[in-house]
mmCIF file of all heavy atoms, coordinates in Angstrom:
data_MODEL
# 
_entry.id   MODEL 
# 
loop_
_atom_site.group_PDB 
_atom_site.id 
_atom_site.type_symbol 
_atom_site.label_atom_id 
_atom_site.label_alt_id 
_atom_site.label_comp_id 
_atom_site.label_asym_id 
_atom_site.label_entity_id 
_atom_site.label_seq_id 
_atom_site.pdbx_PDB_ins_code 
_atom_site.Cartn_x 
_atom_site.Cartn_y 
_atom_site.Cartn_z 
_atom_site.occupancy 
_atom_site.B_iso_or_equiv 
_atom_site.pdbx_formal_charge 
_atom_site.auth_seq_id 
_atom_site.auth_comp_id 
_atom_site.auth_asym_id 
_atom_site.auth_atom_id 
_atom_site.pdbx_PDB_model_num 
ATOM 1   N N   . PHE A 1 1  ? 0.871   -1.181  0.000  1.00 0.00 ? 1  PHE A N   1 
ATOM 2   C CA  . PHE A 1 1  ? 0.000   0.000   0.000  1.00 0.00 ? 1  PHE A CA  1 
ATOM 3   C C   . PHE A 1 1  ? 0.901   1.221   0.000  1.00 0.00 ? 1  PHE A C   1 
ATOM 4   O O   . PHE A 1 1  ? 1.512   1.571   1.023  1.00 0.00 ? 1  PHE A O   1 
ATOM 5   C CB  . PHE A 1 1  ? -0.923  -0.011  1.216  1.00 0.00 ? 1  PHE A CB  1 
ATOM 6   C CG  . PHE A 1 1  ? -1.972  1.068   1.189  1.00 0.00 ? 1  PHE A CG  1 
ATOM 7   C CD1 . PHE A 1 1  ? -2.770  1.277   0.072  1.00 0.00 ? 1  PHE A CD1 1 
ATOM 8   C CD2 . PHE A 1 1  ? -2.168  1.898   2.285  1.00 0.00 ? 1  PHE A CD2 1 
ATOM 9   C CE1 . PHE A 1 1  ? -3.736  2.272   0.035  1.00 0.00 ? 1  PHE A CE1 1 
ATOM 10  C CE2 . PHE A 1 1  ? -3.129  2.895   2.269  1.00 0.00 ? 1  PHE A CE2 1 
ATOM 11  C CZ  . PHE A 1 1  ? -3.913  3.074   1.145  1.00 0.00 ? 1  PHE A CZ  1 
ATOM 12  N N   . GLU A 1 2  ? 0.994   1.870   -1.163 1.00 0.00 ? 2  GLU A N   1 
ATOM 13  C CA  . GLU A 1 2  ? 1.915   2.985   -1.337 1.00 0.00 ? 2  GLU A CA  1 
ATOM 14  C C   . GLU A 1 2  ? 1.249   4.102   -2.137 1.00 0.00 ? 2  GLU A C   1 
ATOM 15  O O   . GLU A 1 2  ? 0.238   3.886   -2.808 1.00 0.00 ? 2  GLU A O   1 
ATOM 16  C CB  . GLU A 1 2  ? 3.175   2.522   -2.085 1.00 0.00 ? 2  GLU A CB  1 
ATOM 17  C CG  . GLU A 1 2  ? 3.928   1.389   -1.414 1.00 0.00 ? 2  GLU A CG  1 
ATOM 18  C CD  . GLU A 1 2  ? 5.078   0.887   -2.276 1.00 0.00 ? 2  GLU A CD  1 
ATOM 19  O OE1 . GLU A 1 2  ? 4.832   0.042   -3.162 1.00 0.00 ? 2  GLU A OE1 1 
ATOM 20  O OE2 . GLU A 1 2  ? 6.213   1.356   -2.057 1.00 0.00 ? 2  GLU A OE2 1 
ATOM 21  N N   . GLY A 1 3  ? 1.822   5.292   -2.052 1.00 0.00 ? 3  GLY A N   1 
ATOM 22  C CA  . GLY A 1 3  ? 1.362   6.415   -2.857 1.00 0.00 ? 3  GLY A CA  1 
ATOM 23  C C   . GLY A 1 3  ? 0.026   6.976   -2.449 1.00 0.00 ? 3  GLY A C   1 
ATOM 24  O O   . GLY A 1 3  ? -0.641  7.651   -3.248 1.00 0.00 ? 3  GLY A O   1 
ATOM 25  N N   . PHE A 1 4  ? -0.410  6.738   -1.214 1.00 0.00 ? 4  PHE A N   1 
ATOM 26  C CA  . PHE A 1 4  ? -1.717  7.216   -0.772 1.00 0.00 ? 4  PHE A CA  1 
ATOM 27  C C   . PHE A 1 4  ? -1.641  8.672   -0.324 1.00 0.00 ? 4  PHE A C   1 
ATOM 28  O O   . PHE A 1 4  ? -0.569  9.222   -0.070 1.00 0.00 ? 4  PHE A O   1 
ATOM 29  C CB  . PHE A 1 4  ? -2.268  6.335   0.351  1.00 0.00 ? 4  PHE A CB  1 
ATOM 30  C CG  . PHE A 1 4  ? -1.290  6.046   1.463  1.00 0.00 ? 4  PHE A CG  1 
ATOM 31  C CD1 . PHE A 1 4  ? -1.097  6.937   2.508  1.00 0.00 ? 4  PHE A CD1 1 
ATOM 32  C CD2 . PHE A 1 4  ? -0.551  4.866   1.452  1.00 0.00 ? 4  PHE A CD2 1 
ATOM 33  C CE1 . PHE A 1 4  ? -0.210  6.680   3.528  1.00 0.00 ? 4  PHE A CE1 1 
ATOM 34  C CE2 . PHE A 1 4  ? 0.345   4.591   2.467  1.00 0.00 ? 4  PHE A CE2 1 
ATOM 35  C CZ  . PHE A 1 4  ? 0.534   5.496   3.512  1.00 0.00 ? 4  PHE A CZ  1 
ATOM 36  N N   . TYR A 1 5  ? -2.791  9.299   -0.211 1.00 0.00 ? 5  TYR A N   1 
ATOM 37  C CA  . TYR A 1 5  ? -2.886  10.708  0.191  1.00 0.00 ? 5  TYR A CA  1 
ATOM 38  C C   . TYR A 1 5  ? -2.381  10.879  1.622  1.00 0.00 ? 5  TYR A C   1 
ATOM 39  O O   . TYR A 1 5  ? -2.695  10.088  2.515  1.00 0.00 ? 5  TYR A O   1 
ATOM 40  C CB  . TYR A 1 5  ? -4.330  11.175  0.088  1.00 0.00 ? 5  TYR A CB  1 
ATOM 41  C CG  . TYR A 1 5  ? -4.559  12.604  0.522  1.00 0.00 ? 5  TYR A CG  1 
ATOM 42  C CD1 . TYR A 1 5  ? -4.345  13.657  -0.360 1.00 0.00 ? 5  TYR A CD1 1 
ATOM 43  C CD2 . TYR A 1 5  ? -4.969  12.889  1.822  1.00 0.00 ? 5  TYR A CD2 1 
ATOM 44  C CE1 . TYR A 1 5  ? -4.550  14.966  0.038  1.00 0.00 ? 5  TYR A CE1 1 
ATOM 45  C CE2 . TYR A 1 5  ? -5.172  14.193  2.229  1.00 0.00 ? 5  TYR A CE2 1 
ATOM 46  C CZ  . TYR A 1 5  ? -4.955  15.237  1.337  1.00 0.00 ? 5  TYR A CZ  1 
ATOM 47  O OH  . TYR A 1 5  ? -5.154  16.528  1.744  1.00 0.00 ? 5  TYR A OH  1 
ATOM 48  N N   . LYS A 1 6  ? -1.622  11.960  1.848  1.00 0.00 ? 6  LYS A N   1 
ATOM 49  C CA  . LYS A 1 6  ? -1.044  12.214  3.174  1.00 0.00 ? 6  LYS A CA  1 
ATOM 50  C C   . LYS A 1 6  ? -1.315  13.656  3.585  1.00 0.00 ? 6  LYS A C   1 
ATOM 51  O O   . LYS A 1 6  ? -1.310  14.562  2.744  1.00 0.00 ? 6  LYS A O   1 
ATOM 52  C CB  . LYS A 1 6  ? 0.464   11.951  3.170  1.00 0.00 ? 6  LYS A CB  1 
ATOM 53  C CG  . LYS A 1 6  ? 0.872   10.544  2.731  1.00 0.00 ? 6  LYS A CG  1 
ATOM 54  C CD  . LYS A 1 6  ? 2.384   10.401  2.699  1.00 0.00 ? 6  LYS A CD  1 
ATOM 55  C CE  . LYS A 1 6  ? 2.809   9.039   2.158  1.00 0.00 ? 6  LYS A CE  1 
ATOM 56  N NZ  . LYS A 1 6  ? 2.514   8.902   0.729  1.00 0.00 ? 6  LYS A NZ  1 
ATOM 57  N N   . ASN A 1 7  ? -1.566  13.833  4.878  1.00 0.00 ? 7  ASN A N   1 
ATOM 58  C CA  . ASN A 1 7  ? -1.643  15.175  5.453  1.00 0.00 ? 7  ASN A CA  1 
ATOM 59  C C   . ASN A 1 7  ? -1.106  15.120  6.877  1.00 0.00 ? 7  ASN A C   1 
ATOM 60  O O   . ASN A 1 7  ? -0.451  14.139  7.268  1.00 0.00 ? 7  ASN A O   1 
ATOM 61  C CB  . ASN A 1 7  ? -3.072  15.740  5.383  1.00 0.00 ? 7  ASN A CB  1 
ATOM 62  C CG  . ASN A 1 7  ? -4.061  14.941  6.210  1.00 0.00 ? 7  ASN A CG  1 
ATOM 63  O OD1 . ASN A 1 7  ? -3.686  14.076  6.997  1.00 0.00 ? 7  ASN A OD1 1 
ATOM 64  N ND2 . ASN A 1 7  ? -5.334  15.226  6.046  1.00 0.00 ? 7  ASN A ND2 1 
ATOM 65  N N   . GLU A 1 8  ? -1.400  16.161  7.677  1.00 0.00 ? 8  GLU A N   1 
ATOM 66  C CA  . GLU A 1 8  ? -0.814  16.241  9.022  1.00 0.00 ? 8  GLU A CA  1 
ATOM 67  C C   . GLU A 1 8  ? -1.314  15.137  9.953  1.00 0.00 ? 8  GLU A C   1 
ATOM 68  O O   . GLU A 1 8  ? -0.739  14.902  11.027 1.00 0.00 ? 8  GLU A O   1 
ATOM 69  C CB  . GLU A 1 8  ? -1.098  17.615  9.642  1.00 0.00 ? 8  GLU A CB  1 
ATOM 70  C CG  . GLU A 1 8  ? -2.568  17.902  9.972  1.00 0.00 ? 8  GLU A CG  1 
ATOM 71  C CD  . GLU A 1 8  ? -3.340  18.488  8.797  1.00 0.00 ? 8  GLU A CD  1 
ATOM 72  O OE1 . GLU A 1 8  ? -2.847  18.364  7.644  1.00 0.00 ? 8  GLU A OE1 1 
ATOM 73  O OE2 . GLU A 1 8  ? -4.416  19.061  9.027  1.00 0.00 ? 8  GLU A OE2 1 
ATOM 74  N N   . HIS A 1 9  ? -2.413  14.437  9.563  1.00 0.00 ? 9  HIS A N   1 
ATOM 75  C CA  . HIS A 1 9  ? -2.950  13.362  10.408 1.00 0.00 ? 9  HIS A CA  1 
ATOM 76  C C   . HIS A 1 9  ? -2.457  11.977  9.989  1.00 0.00 ? 9  HIS A C   1 
ATOM 77  O O   . HIS A 1 9  ? -2.829  10.981  10.599 1.00 0.00 ? 9  HIS A O   1 
ATOM 78  C CB  . HIS A 1 9  ? -4.479  13.378  10.362 1.00 0.00 ? 9  HIS A CB  1 
ATOM 79  C CG  . HIS A 1 9  ? -5.079  14.683  10.784 1.00 0.00 ? 9  HIS A CG  1 
ATOM 80  N ND1 . HIS A 1 9  ? -4.942  15.199  12.039 1.00 0.00 ? 9  HIS A ND1 1 
ATOM 81  C CD2 . HIS A 1 9  ? -5.807  15.606  10.088 1.00 0.00 ? 9  HIS A CD2 1 
ATOM 82  C CE1 . HIS A 1 9  ? -5.558  16.355  12.127 1.00 0.00 ? 9  HIS A CE1 1 
ATOM 83  N NE2 . HIS A 1 9  ? -6.090  16.638  10.944 1.00 0.00 ? 9  HIS A NE2 1 
ATOM 84  N N   . THR A 1 10 ? -1.648  11.908  8.962  1.00 0.00 ? 10 THR A N   1 
ATOM 85  C CA  . THR A 1 10 ? -1.199  10.621  8.447  1.00 0.00 ? 10 THR A CA  1 
ATOM 86  C C   . THR A 1 10 ? -0.001  10.119  9.237  1.00 0.00 ? 10 THR A C   1 
ATOM 87  O O   . THR A 1 10 ? 1.020   10.819  9.358  1.00 0.00 ? 10 THR A O   1 
ATOM 88  C CB  . THR A 1 10 ? -0.811  10.732  6.960  1.00 0.00 ? 10 THR A CB  1 
ATOM 89  O OG1 . THR A 1 10 ? -1.931  11.233  6.224  1.00 0.00 ? 10 THR A OG1 1 
ATOM 90  C CG2 . THR A 1 10 ? -0.410  9.371   6.408  1.00 0.00 ? 10 THR A CG2 1 
ATOM 91  N N   . THR A 1 11 ? -0.118  8.936   9.810  1.00 0.00 ? 11 THR A N   1 
ATOM 92  C CA  . THR A 1 11 ? 0.985   8.286   10.512 1.00 0.00 ? 11 THR A CA  1 
ATOM 93  C C   . THR A 1 11 ? 1.335   6.935   9.898  1.00 0.00 ? 11 THR A C   1 
ATOM 94  O O   . THR A 1 11 ? 2.356   6.349   10.241 1.00 0.00 ? 11 THR A O   1 
ATOM 95  C CB  . THR A 1 11 ? 0.642   8.072   11.999 1.00 0.00 ? 11 THR A CB  1 
ATOM 96  O OG1 . THR A 1 11 ? -0.551  7.263   12.092 1.00 0.00 ? 11 THR A OG1 1 
ATOM 97  C CG2 . THR A 1 11 ? 0.394   9.393   12.704 1.00 0.00 ? 11 THR A CG2 1 
ATOM 98  N N   . LEU A 1 12 ? 0.495   6.440   8.991  1.00 0.00 ? 12 LEU A N   1 
ATOM 99  C CA  . LEU A 1 12 ? 0.709   5.120   8.403  1.00 0.00 ? 12 LEU A CA  1 
ATOM 100 C C   . LEU A 1 12 ? 1.893   5.148   7.444  1.00 0.00 ? 12 LEU A C   1 
ATOM 101 O O   . LEU A 1 12 ? 1.931   5.958   6.522  1.00 0.00 ? 12 LEU A O   1 
ATOM 102 C CB  . LEU A 1 12 ? -0.547  4.671   7.641  1.00 0.00 ? 12 LEU A CB  1 
ATOM 103 C CG  . LEU A 1 12 ? -0.503  3.269   7.022  1.00 0.00 ? 12 LEU A CG  1 
ATOM 104 C CD1 . LEU A 1 12 ? -0.574  2.210   8.106  1.00 0.00 ? 12 LEU A CD1 1 
ATOM 105 C CD2 . LEU A 1 12 ? -1.648  3.088   6.027  1.00 0.00 ? 12 LEU A CD2 1 
ATOM 106 N N   . PRO A 1 13 ? 2.887   4.276   7.637  1.00 0.00 ? 13 PRO A N   1 
ATOM 107 C CA  . PRO A 1 13 ? 4.009   4.232   6.692  1.00 0.00 ? 13 PRO A CA  1 
ATOM 108 C C   . PRO A 1 13 ? 3.630   3.496   5.419  1.00 0.00 ? 13 PRO A C   1 
ATOM 109 O O   . PRO A 1 13 ? 2.733   2.644   5.421  1.00 0.00 ? 13 PRO A O   1 
ATOM 110 C CB  . PRO A 1 13 ? 5.073   3.446   7.469  1.00 0.00 ? 13 PRO A CB  1 
ATOM 111 C CG  . PRO A 1 13 ? 4.288   2.539   8.374  1.00 0.00 ? 13 PRO A CG  1 
ATOM 112 C CD  . PRO A 1 13 ? 3.060   3.320   8.757  1.00 0.00 ? 13 PRO A CD  1 
ATOM 113 N N   . GLU A 1 14 ? 4.302   3.834   4.324  1.00 0.00 ? 14 GLU A N   1 
ATOM 114 C CA  . GLU A 1 14 ? 4.081   3.093   3.087  1.00 0.00 ? 14 GLU A CA  1 
ATOM 115 C C   . GLU A 1 14 ? 4.717   1.705   3.205  1.00 0.00 ? 14 GLU A C   1 
ATOM 116 O O   . GLU A 1 14 ? 5.769   1.538   3.834  1.00 0.00 ? 14 GLU A O   1 
ATOM 117 C CB  . GLU A 1 14 ? 4.686   3.852   1.902  1.00 0.00 ? 14 GLU A CB  1 
ATOM 118 C CG  . GLU A 1 14 ? 3.988   5.156   1.610  1.00 0.00 ? 14 GLU A CG  1 
ATOM 119 C CD  . GLU A 1 14 ? 4.355   5.711   0.238  1.00 0.00 ? 14 GLU A CD  1 
ATOM 120 O OE1 . GLU A 1 14 ? 5.220   5.106   -0.433 1.00 0.00 ? 14 GLU A OE1 1 
ATOM 121 O OE2 . GLU A 1 14 ? 3.766   6.740   -0.156 1.00 0.00 ? 14 GLU A OE2 1 
ATOM 122 N N   . ARG A 1 15 ? 4.066   0.738   2.587  1.00 0.00 ? 15 ARG A N   1 
ATOM 123 C CA  . ARG A 1 15 ? 4.582   -0.631  2.625  1.00 0.00 ? 15 ARG A CA  1 
ATOM 124 C C   . ARG A 1 15 ? 4.496   -1.236  1.233  1.00 0.00 ? 15 ARG A C   1 
ATOM 125 O O   . ARG A 1 15 ? 3.470   -1.137  0.568  1.00 0.00 ? 15 ARG A O   1 
ATOM 126 C CB  . ARG A 1 15 ? 3.766   -1.485  3.609  1.00 0.00 ? 15 ARG A CB  1 
ATOM 127 C CG  . ARG A 1 15 ? 3.892   -1.041  5.067  1.00 0.00 ? 15 ARG A CG  1 
ATOM 128 C CD  . ARG A 1 15 ? 3.047   -1.904  5.972  1.00 0.00 ? 15 ARG A CD  1 
ATOM 129 N NE  . ARG A 1 15 ? 3.153   -1.486  7.367  1.00 0.00 ? 15 ARG A NE  1 
ATOM 130 C CZ  . ARG A 1 15 ? 2.452   -2.016  8.369  1.00 0.00 ? 15 ARG A CZ  1 
ATOM 131 N NH1 . ARG A 1 15 ? 1.593   -2.983  8.117  1.00 0.00 ? 15 ARG A NH1 1 
ATOM 132 N NH2 . ARG A 1 15 ? 2.617   -1.592  9.610  1.00 0.00 ? 15 ARG A NH2 1 
ATOM 133 N N   . HIS A 1 16 ? 5.575   -1.850  0.820  1.00 0.00 ? 16 HIS A N   1 
ATOM 134 C CA  . HIS A 1 16 ? 5.577   -2.538  -0.474 1.00 0.00 ? 16 HIS A CA  1 
ATOM 135 C C   . HIS A 1 16 ? 5.491   -4.052  -0.302 1.00 0.00 ? 16 HIS A C   1 
ATOM 136 O O   . HIS A 1 16 ? 5.371   -4.778  -1.282 1.00 0.00 ? 16 HIS A O   1 
ATOM 137 C CB  . HIS A 1 16 ? 6.832   -2.177  -1.273 1.00 0.00 ? 16 HIS A CB  1 
ATOM 138 C CG  . HIS A 1 16 ? 8.107   -2.692  -0.673 1.00 0.00 ? 16 HIS A CG  1 
ATOM 139 N ND1 . HIS A 1 16 ? 8.782   -2.016  0.326  1.00 0.00 ? 16 HIS A ND1 1 
ATOM 140 C CD2 . HIS A 1 16 ? 8.812   -3.824  -0.916 1.00 0.00 ? 16 HIS A CD2 1 
ATOM 141 C CE1 . HIS A 1 16 ? 9.857   -2.703  0.671  1.00 0.00 ? 16 HIS A CE1 1 
ATOM 142 N NE2 . HIS A 1 16 ? 9.899   -3.811  -0.062 1.00 0.00 ? 16 HIS A NE2 1 
ATOM 143 N N   . ASP A 1 17 ? 5.584   -4.522  0.949  1.00 0.00 ? 17 ASP A N   1 
ATOM 144 C CA  . ASP A 1 17 ? 5.478   -5.963  1.210  1.00 0.00 ? 17 ASP A CA  1 
ATOM 145 C C   . ASP A 1 17 ? 4.780   -6.147  2.545  1.00 0.00 ? 17 ASP A C   1 
ATOM 146 O O   . ASP A 1 17 ? 5.342   -5.837  3.597  1.00 0.00 ? 17 ASP A O   1 
ATOM 147 C CB  . ASP A 1 17 ? 6.861   -6.610  1.231  1.00 0.00 ? 17 ASP A CB  1 
ATOM 148 C CG  . ASP A 1 17 ? 6.771   -8.135  1.329  1.00 0.00 ? 17 ASP A CG  1 
ATOM 149 O OD1 . ASP A 1 17 ? 5.658   -8.675  1.148  1.00 0.00 ? 17 ASP A OD1 1 
ATOM 150 O OD2 . ASP A 1 17 ? 7.812   -8.771  1.586  1.00 0.00 ? 17 ASP A OD2 1 
ATOM 151 N N   . ARG A 1 18 ? 3.557   -6.620  2.494  1.00 0.00 ? 18 ARG A N   1 
ATOM 152 C CA  . ARG A 1 18 ? 2.775   -6.801  3.718  1.00 0.00 ? 18 ARG A CA  1 
ATOM 153 C C   . ARG A 1 18 ? 1.905   -8.048  3.575  1.00 0.00 ? 18 ARG A C   1 
ATOM 154 O O   . ARG A 1 18 ? 1.748   -8.611  2.486  1.00 0.00 ? 18 ARG A O   1 
ATOM 155 C CB  . ARG A 1 18 ? 1.871   -5.591  3.965  1.00 0.00 ? 18 ARG A CB  1 
ATOM 156 C CG  . ARG A 1 18 ? 0.813   -5.391  2.893  1.00 0.00 ? 18 ARG A CG  1 
ATOM 157 C CD  . ARG A 1 18 ? -0.183  -4.301  3.230  1.00 0.00 ? 18 ARG A CD  1 
ATOM 158 N NE  . ARG A 1 18 ? -1.193  -4.171  2.175  1.00 0.00 ? 18 ARG A NE  1 
ATOM 159 C CZ  . ARG A 1 18 ? -2.252  -3.371  2.247  1.00 0.00 ? 18 ARG A CZ  1 
ATOM 160 N NH1 . ARG A 1 18 ? -2.437  -2.612  3.309  1.00 0.00 ? 18 ARG A NH1 1 
ATOM 161 N NH2 . ARG A 1 18 ? -3.124  -3.312  1.244  1.00 0.00 ? 18 ARG A NH2 1 
ATOM 162 N N   . ILE A 1 19 ? 1.322   -8.470  4.694  1.00 0.00 ? 19 ILE A N   1 
ATOM 163 C CA  . ILE A 1 19 ? 0.324   -9.541  4.676  1.00 0.00 ? 19 ILE A CA  1 
ATOM 164 C C   . ILE A 1 19 ? -1.015  -8.950  4.271  1.00 0.00 ? 19 ILE A C   1 
ATOM 165 O O   . ILE A 1 19 ? -1.424  -7.903  4.776  1.00 0.00 ? 19 ILE A O   1 
ATOM 166 C CB  . ILE A 1 19 ? 0.218   -10.207 6.060  1.00 0.00 ? 19 ILE A CB  1 
ATOM 167 C CG1 . ILE A 1 19 ? 1.476   -11.032 6.346  1.00 0.00 ? 19 ILE A CG1 1 
ATOM 168 C CG2 . ILE A 1 19 ? -1.025  -11.088 6.159  1.00 0.00 ? 19 ILE A CG2 1 
ATOM 169 C CD1 . ILE A 1 19 ? 1.494   -11.653 7.722  1.00 0.00 ? 19 ILE A CD1 1 
ATOM 170 N N   . LEU A 1 20 ? -1.678  -9.608  3.335  1.00 0.00 ? 20 LEU A N   1 
ATOM 171 C CA  . LEU A 1 20 ? -3.037  -9.217  2.968  1.00 0.00 ? 20 LEU A CA  1 
ATOM 172 C C   . LEU A 1 20 ? -3.976  -10.296 3.504  1.00 0.00 ? 20 LEU A C   1 
ATOM 173 O O   . LEU A 1 20 ? -3.892  -11.461 3.106  1.00 0.00 ? 20 LEU A O   1 
ATOM 174 C CB  . LEU A 1 20 ? -3.181  -9.076  1.450  1.00 0.00 ? 20 LEU A CB  1 
ATOM 175 C CG  . LEU A 1 20 ? -4.449  -8.378  0.931  1.00 0.00 ? 20 LEU A CG  1 
ATOM 176 C CD1 . LEU A 1 20 ? -4.203  -7.775  -0.450 1.00 0.00 ? 20 LEU A CD1 1 
ATOM 177 C CD2 . LEU A 1 20 ? -5.639  -9.317  0.866  1.00 0.00 ? 20 LEU A CD2 1 
ATOM 178 N N   . CYS A 1 21 ? -4.832  -9.898  4.416  1.00 0.00 ? 21 CYS A N   1 
ATOM 179 C CA  . CYS A 1 21 ? -5.714  -10.860 5.068  1.00 0.00 ? 21 CYS A CA  1 
ATOM 180 C C   . CYS A 1 21 ? -7.073  -10.211 5.283  1.00 0.00 ? 21 CYS A C   1 
ATOM 181 O O   . CYS A 1 21 ? -7.165  -9.020  5.594  1.00 0.00 ? 21 CYS A O   1 
ATOM 182 C CB  . CYS A 1 21 ? -5.119  -11.304 6.412  1.00 0.00 ? 21 CYS A CB  1 
ATOM 183 S SG  . CYS A 1 21 ? -6.148  -12.471 7.340  1.00 0.00 ? 21 CYS A SG  1 
ATOM 184 N N   . GLY A 1 22 ? -8.113  -10.976 5.107  1.00 0.00 ? 22 GLY A N   1 
ATOM 185 C CA  . GLY A 1 22 ? -9.445  -10.420 5.327  1.00 0.00 ? 22 GLY A CA  1 
ATOM 186 C C   . GLY A 1 22 ? -10.527 -11.480 5.293  1.00 0.00 ? 22 GLY A C   1 
ATOM 187 O O   . GLY A 1 22 ? -10.303 -12.623 4.893  1.00 0.00 ? 22 GLY A O   1 
ATOM 188 N N   . GLU A 1 23 ? -11.696 -11.070 5.731  1.00 0.00 ? 23 GLU A N   1 
ATOM 189 C CA  . GLU A 1 23 ? -12.890 -11.922 5.687  1.00 0.00 ? 23 GLU A CA  1 
ATOM 190 C C   . GLU A 1 23 ? -13.791 -11.391 4.588  1.00 0.00 ? 23 GLU A C   1 
ATOM 191 O O   . GLU A 1 23 ? -14.176 -10.221 4.604  1.00 0.00 ? 23 GLU A O   1 
ATOM 192 C CB  . GLU A 1 23 ? -13.599 -11.907 7.039  1.00 0.00 ? 23 GLU A CB  1 
ATOM 193 C CG  . GLU A 1 23 ? -14.768 -12.861 7.121  1.00 0.00 ? 23 GLU A CG  1 
ATOM 194 C CD  . GLU A 1 23 ? -15.360 -12.933 8.523  1.00 0.00 ? 23 GLU A CD  1 
ATOM 195 O OE1 . GLU A 1 23 ? -14.785 -13.640 9.374  1.00 0.00 ? 23 GLU A OE1 1 
ATOM 196 O OE2 . GLU A 1 23 ? -16.372 -12.261 8.764  1.00 0.00 ? 23 GLU A OE2 1 
ATOM 197 N N   . LEU A 1 24 ? -14.123 -12.247 3.649  1.00 0.00 ? 24 LEU A N   1 
ATOM 198 C CA  . LEU A 1 24 ? -14.806 -11.813 2.440  1.00 0.00 ? 24 LEU A CA  1 
ATOM 199 C C   . LEU A 1 24 ? -16.280 -12.186 2.457  1.00 0.00 ? 24 LEU A C   1 
ATOM 200 O O   . LEU A 1 24 ? -16.656 -13.281 2.873  1.00 0.00 ? 24 LEU A O   1 
ATOM 201 C CB  . LEU A 1 24 ? -14.123 -12.437 1.214  1.00 0.00 ? 24 LEU A CB  1 
ATOM 202 C CG  . LEU A 1 24 ? -14.675 -12.021 -0.154 1.00 0.00 ? 24 LEU A CG  1 
ATOM 203 C CD1 . LEU A 1 24 ? -13.539 -11.728 -1.113 1.00 0.00 ? 24 LEU A CD1 1 
ATOM 204 C CD2 . LEU A 1 24 ? -15.565 -13.117 -0.737 1.00 0.00 ? 24 LEU A CD2 1 
# 
């Protein structure tokens, strides 16, 4: 998850390698 919108409230770092997990 990279290249997302950022402002003064953004603390999430960009990641190019992460676990993708969810309930569908």
